[in-house]
PDB file of N, CA and C in Angstrom:
ATOM      1  N   MET A   1      -6.956  48.813  45.120  1.00  0.00           N
ATOM      2  CA  MET A   1      -6.148  49.411  44.107  1.00  0.00           C
ATOM      3  C   MET A   1      -5.371  48.278  43.445  1.00  0.00           C
ATOM      4  N   GLY A   2      -5.251  48.313  42.158  1.00  0.00           N
ATOM      5  CA  GLY A   2      -4.559  47.241  41.471  1.00  0.00           C
ATOM      6  C   GLY A   2      -4.091  47.658  40.094  1.00  0.00           C
ATOM      7  N   ALA A   3      -3.276  46.786  39.519  1.00  0.00           N
ATOM      8  CA  ALA A   3      -2.758  47.041  38.182  1.00  0.00           C
ATOM      9  C   ALA A   3      -2.558  45.712  37.468  1.00  0.00           C
ATOM     10  N   ASP A   4      -2.847  45.694  36.178  1.00  0.00           N
ATOM     11  CA  ASP A   4      -2.631  44.532  35.330  1.00  0.00           C
ATOM     12  C   ASP A   4      -1.718  44.933  34.176  1.00  0.00           C
ATOM     13  N   PHE A   5      -0.769  44.075  33.875  1.00  0.00           N
ATOM     14  CA  PHE A   5       0.158  44.311  32.775  1.00  0.00           C
ATOM     15  C   PHE A   5       0.072  43.128  31.816  1.00  0.00           C
ATOM     16  N   THR A   6      -0.096  43.422  30.529  1.00  0.00           N
ATOM     17  CA  THR A   6      -0.213  42.387  29.511  1.00  0.00           C
ATOM     18  C   THR A   6       0.904  42.563  28.486  1.00  0.00           C
ATOM     19  N   HIS A   7       1.588  41.466  28.218  1.00  0.00           N
ATOM     20  CA  HIS A   7       2.660  41.480  27.218  1.00  0.00           C
ATOM     21  C   HIS A   7       2.123  40.862  25.936  1.00  0.00           C
ATOM     22  N   ARG A   8       2.709  41.196  24.813  1.00  0.00           N
ATOM     23  CA  ARG A   8       2.232  40.697  23.514  1.00  0.00           C
ATOM     24  C   ARG A   8       2.338  39.184  23.392  1.00  0.00           C
ATOM     25  N   THR A   9       3.195  38.545  24.169  1.00  0.00           N
ATOM     26  CA  THR A   9       3.377  37.097  24.052  1.00  0.00           C
ATOM     27  C   THR A   9       2.301  36.300  24.769  1.00  0.00           C
ATOM     28  N   GLY A  10       1.358  36.978  25.431  1.00  0.00           N
ATOM     29  CA  GLY A  10       0.291  36.273  26.129  1.00  0.00           C
ATOM     30  C   GLY A  10       0.499  36.196  27.630  1.00  0.00           C
ATOM     31  N   LEU A  11       1.521  36.831  28.127  1.00  0.00           N
ATOM     32  CA  LEU A  11       1.797  36.850  29.562  1.00  0.00           C
ATOM     33  C   LEU A  11       1.075  38.028  30.189  1.00  0.00           C
ATOM     34  N   GLN A  12       0.356  37.749  31.280  1.00  0.00           N
ATOM     35  CA  GLN A  12      -0.352  38.806  32.002  1.00  0.00           C
ATOM     36  C   GLN A  12       0.002  38.711  33.477  1.00  0.00           C
ATOM     37  N   VAL A  13       0.379  39.847  34.080  1.00  0.00           N
ATOM     38  CA  VAL A  13       0.746  39.914  35.494  1.00  0.00           C
ATOM     39  C   VAL A  13      -0.151  40.951  36.149  1.00  0.00           C
ATOM     40  N   GLY A  14      -0.697  40.610  37.315  1.00  0.00           N
ATOM     41  CA  GLY A  14      -1.560  41.535  38.033  1.00  0.00           C
ATOM     42  C   GLY A  14      -1.162  41.634  39.493  1.00  0.00           C
ATOM     43  N   VAL A  15      -1.296  42.816  40.038  1.00  0.00           N
ATOM     44  CA  VAL A  15      -1.027  43.079  41.450  1.00  0.00           C
ATOM     45  C   VAL A  15      -2.209  43.859  42.006  1.00  0.00           C
ATOM     46  N   ASN A  16      -2.736  43.419  43.151  1.00  0.00           N
ATOM     47  CA  ASN A  16      -3.853  44.099  43.790  1.00  0.00           C
ATOM     48  C   ASN A  16      -3.561  44.271  45.276  1.00  0.00           C
ATOM     49  N   TYR A  17      -3.976  45.407  45.833  1.00  0.00           N
ATOM     50  CA  TYR A  17      -3.816  45.682  47.254  1.00  0.00           C
ATOM     51  C   TYR A  17      -5.149  46.168  47.798  1.00  0.00           C
ATOM     52  N   LEU A  18      -5.579  45.571  48.892  1.00  0.00           N
ATOM     53  CA  LEU A  18      -6.835  45.919  49.533  1.00  0.00           C
ATOM     54  C   LEU A  18      -6.552  46.244  50.985  1.00  0.00           C
ATOM     55  N   THR A  19      -7.087  47.341  51.465  1.00  0.00           N
ATOM     56  CA  THR A  19      -6.859  47.741  52.852  1.00  0.00           C
ATOM     57  C   THR A  19      -8.170  48.129  53.507  1.00  0.00           C
ATOM     58  N   TYR A  20      -8.224  47.996  54.808  1.00  0.00           N
ATOM     59  CA  TYR A  20      -9.369  48.422  55.600  1.00  0.00           C
ATOM     60  C   TYR A  20      -9.051  49.790  56.179  1.00  0.00           C
ATOM     61  N   LEU A  21      -9.906  50.767  55.976  1.00  0.00           N
ATOM     62  CA  LEU A  21      -9.634  52.135  56.382  1.00  0.00           C
ATOM     63  C   LEU A  21     -10.218  52.498  57.738  1.00  0.00           C
ATOM     64  N   GLY A  22     -10.637  51.522  58.530  1.00  0.00           N
ATOM     65  CA  GLY A  22     -11.191  51.798  59.845  1.00  0.00           C
ATOM     66  C   GLY A  22     -10.123  52.007  60.893  1.00  0.00           C
ATOM     67  N   ASP A  23     -10.545  52.220  62.128  1.00  0.00           N
ATOM     68  CA  ASP A  23      -9.641  52.442  63.241  1.00  0.00           C
ATOM     69  C   ASP A  23      -9.162  51.100  63.778  1.00  0.00           C
ATOM     70  N   ALA A  24      -7.904  50.768  63.541  1.00  0.00           N
ATOM     71  CA  ALA A  24      -7.349  49.492  63.994  1.00  0.00           C
ATOM     72  C   ALA A  24      -6.734  49.595  65.377  1.00  0.00           C
ATOM     73  N   ASP A  25      -6.601  50.786  65.915  1.00  0.00           N
ATOM     74  CA  ASP A  25      -5.968  50.980  67.219  1.00  0.00           C
ATOM     75  C   ASP A  25      -7.041  51.101  68.297  1.00  0.00           C
ATOM     76  N   GLU A  26      -7.608  49.984  68.666  1.00  0.00           N
ATOM     77  CA  GLU A  26      -8.650  49.945  69.691  1.00  0.00           C
ATOM     78  C   GLU A  26      -8.195  49.002  70.787  1.00  0.00           C
ATOM     79  N   ASP A  27      -7.362  49.501  71.683  1.00  0.00           N
ATOM     80  CA  ASP A  27      -6.781  48.671  72.732  1.00  0.00           C
ATOM     81  C   ASP A  27      -7.767  48.297  73.825  1.00  0.00           C
ATOM     82  N   ASP A  28      -8.852  49.040  73.967  1.00  0.00           N
ATOM     83  CA  ASP A  28      -9.784  48.763  75.052  1.00  0.00           C
ATOM     84  C   ASP A  28     -10.835  47.710  74.708  1.00  0.00           C
ATOM     85  N   LYS A  29     -10.834  47.198  73.486  1.00  0.00           N
ATOM     86  CA  LYS A  29     -11.826  46.190  73.093  1.00  0.00           C
ATOM     87  C   LYS A  29     -11.228  44.802  73.172  1.00  0.00           C
ATOM     88  N   PRO A  30     -12.066  43.803  73.477  1.00  0.00           N
ATOM     89  CA  PRO A  30     -11.566  42.408  73.474  1.00  0.00           C
ATOM     90  C   PRO A  30     -11.227  41.947  72.057  1.00  0.00           C
ATOM     91  N   TYR A  31     -10.474  40.865  71.980  1.00  0.00           N
ATOM     92  CA  TYR A  31     -10.001  40.340  70.700  1.00  0.00           C
ATOM     93  C   TYR A  31     -11.143  39.987  69.760  1.00  0.00           C
ATOM     94  N   GLU A  32     -12.243  39.489  70.286  1.00  0.00           N
ATOM     95  CA  GLU A  32     -13.366  39.053  69.444  1.00  0.00           C
ATOM     96  C   GLU A  32     -14.001  40.217  68.699  1.00  0.00           C
ATOM     97  N   GLN A  33     -13.874  41.437  69.202  1.00  0.00           N
ATOM     98  CA  GLN A  33     -14.489  42.598  68.559  1.00  0.00           C
ATOM     99  C   GLN A  33     -13.539  43.305  67.596  1.00  0.00           C
ATOM    100  N   LEU A  34     -12.333  42.804  67.418  1.00  0.00           N
ATOM    101  CA  LEU A  34     -11.362  43.421  66.522  1.00  0.00           C
ATOM    102  C   LEU A  34     -11.278  42.694  65.183  1.00  0.00           C
ATOM    103  N   SER A  35     -12.390  42.167  64.710  1.00  0.00           N
ATOM    104  CA  SER A  35     -12.381  41.366  63.484  1.00  0.00           C
ATOM    105  C   SER A  35     -12.046  42.197  62.243  1.00  0.00           C
ATOM    106  N   LEU A  36     -12.257  43.498  62.280  1.00  0.00           N
ATOM    107  CA  LEU A  36     -11.987  44.338  61.117  1.00  0.00           C
ATOM    108  C   LEU A  36     -10.644  45.057  61.195  1.00  0.00           C
ATOM    109  N   SER A  37      -9.856  44.808  62.214  1.00  0.00           N
ATOM    110  CA  SER A  37      -8.632  45.576  62.395  1.00  0.00           C
ATOM    111  C   SER A  37      -7.470  45.068  61.545  1.00  0.00           C
ATOM    112  N   ASP A  38      -7.536  43.860  61.021  1.00  0.00           N
ATOM    113  CA  ASP A  38      -6.423  43.320  60.247  1.00  0.00           C
ATOM    114  C   ASP A  38      -6.944  42.675  58.976  1.00  0.00           C
ATOM    115  N   ARG A  39      -7.286  43.499  58.007  1.00  0.00           N
ATOM    116  CA  ARG A  39      -7.854  42.977  56.763  1.00  0.00           C
ATOM    117  C   ARG A  39      -7.087  43.425  55.534  1.00  0.00           C
ATOM    118  N   ASP A  40      -5.848  43.840  55.674  1.00  0.00           N
ATOM    119  CA  ASP A  40      -5.050  44.209  54.507  1.00  0.00           C
ATOM    120  C   ASP A  40      -4.720  42.958  53.707  1.00  0.00           C
ATOM    121  N   ASN A  41      -4.713  43.087  52.384  1.00  0.00           N
ATOM    122  CA  ASN A  41      -4.519  41.936  51.533  1.00  0.00           C
ATOM    123  C   ASN A  41      -3.724  42.369  50.297  1.00  0.00           C
ATOM    124  N   LEU A  42      -2.697  41.623  49.978  1.00  0.00           N
ATOM    125  CA  LEU A  42      -1.893  41.838  48.779  1.00  0.00           C
ATOM    126  C   LEU A  42      -1.948  40.568  47.945  1.00  0.00           C
ATOM    127  N   SER A  43      -2.284  40.695  46.667  1.00  0.00           N
ATOM    128  CA  SER A  43      -2.349  39.519  45.802  1.00  0.00           C
ATOM    129  C   SER A  43      -1.561  39.761  44.525  1.00  0.00           C
ATOM    130  N   LEU A  44      -0.987  38.681  44.022  1.00  0.00           N
ATOM    131  CA  LEU A  44      -0.223  38.692  42.784  1.00  0.00           C
ATOM    132  C   LEU A  44      -0.748  37.568  41.915  1.00  0.00           C
ATOM    133  N   SER A  45      -1.032  37.875  40.655  1.00  0.00           N
ATOM    134  CA  SER A  45      -1.516  36.836  39.745  1.00  0.00           C
ATOM    135  C   SER A  45      -0.695  36.875  38.464  1.00  0.00           C
ATOM    136  N   VAL A  46      -0.428  35.679  37.939  1.00  0.00           N
ATOM    137  CA  VAL A  46       0.315  35.530  36.693  1.00  0.00           C
ATOM    138  C   VAL A  46      -0.472  34.588  35.798  1.00  0.00           C
ATOM    139  N   LYS A  47      -0.731  35.017  34.561  1.00  0.00           N
ATOM    140  CA  LYS A  47      -1.454  34.197  33.583  1.00  0.00           C
ATOM    141  C   LYS A  47      -0.637  34.123  32.304  1.00  0.00           C
ATOM    142  N   TYR A  48      -0.748  32.979  31.643  1.00  0.00           N
ATOM    143  CA  TYR A  48      -0.081  32.809  30.353  1.00  0.00           C
ATOM    144  C   TYR A  48      -1.037  32.117  29.405  1.00  0.00           C
ATOM    145  N   ALA A  49      -1.292  32.716  28.272  1.00  0.00           N
ATOM    146  CA  ALA A  49      -2.178  32.140  27.259  1.00  0.00           C
ATOM    147  C   ALA A  49      -1.306  31.665  26.086  1.00  0.00           C
ATOM    148  N   PHE A  50      -1.533  30.405  25.687  1.00  0.00           N
ATOM    149  CA  PHE A  50      -0.760  29.863  24.560  1.00  0.00           C
ATOM    150  C   PHE A  50      -1.671  29.282  23.524  1.00  0.00           C
TER     151      PHE A  50
END
């Protein structure tokens, strides 16, 4: 999910959020098998065109 905002002066700001919708609460599995349990990501981007 994300959003981009553009201003008339050439400034653009974007925010994106990505989440993994699987079951992250798997206490009985070893650490090596929990590779998908922590994949949330938040990004912010700023661009300026002149």
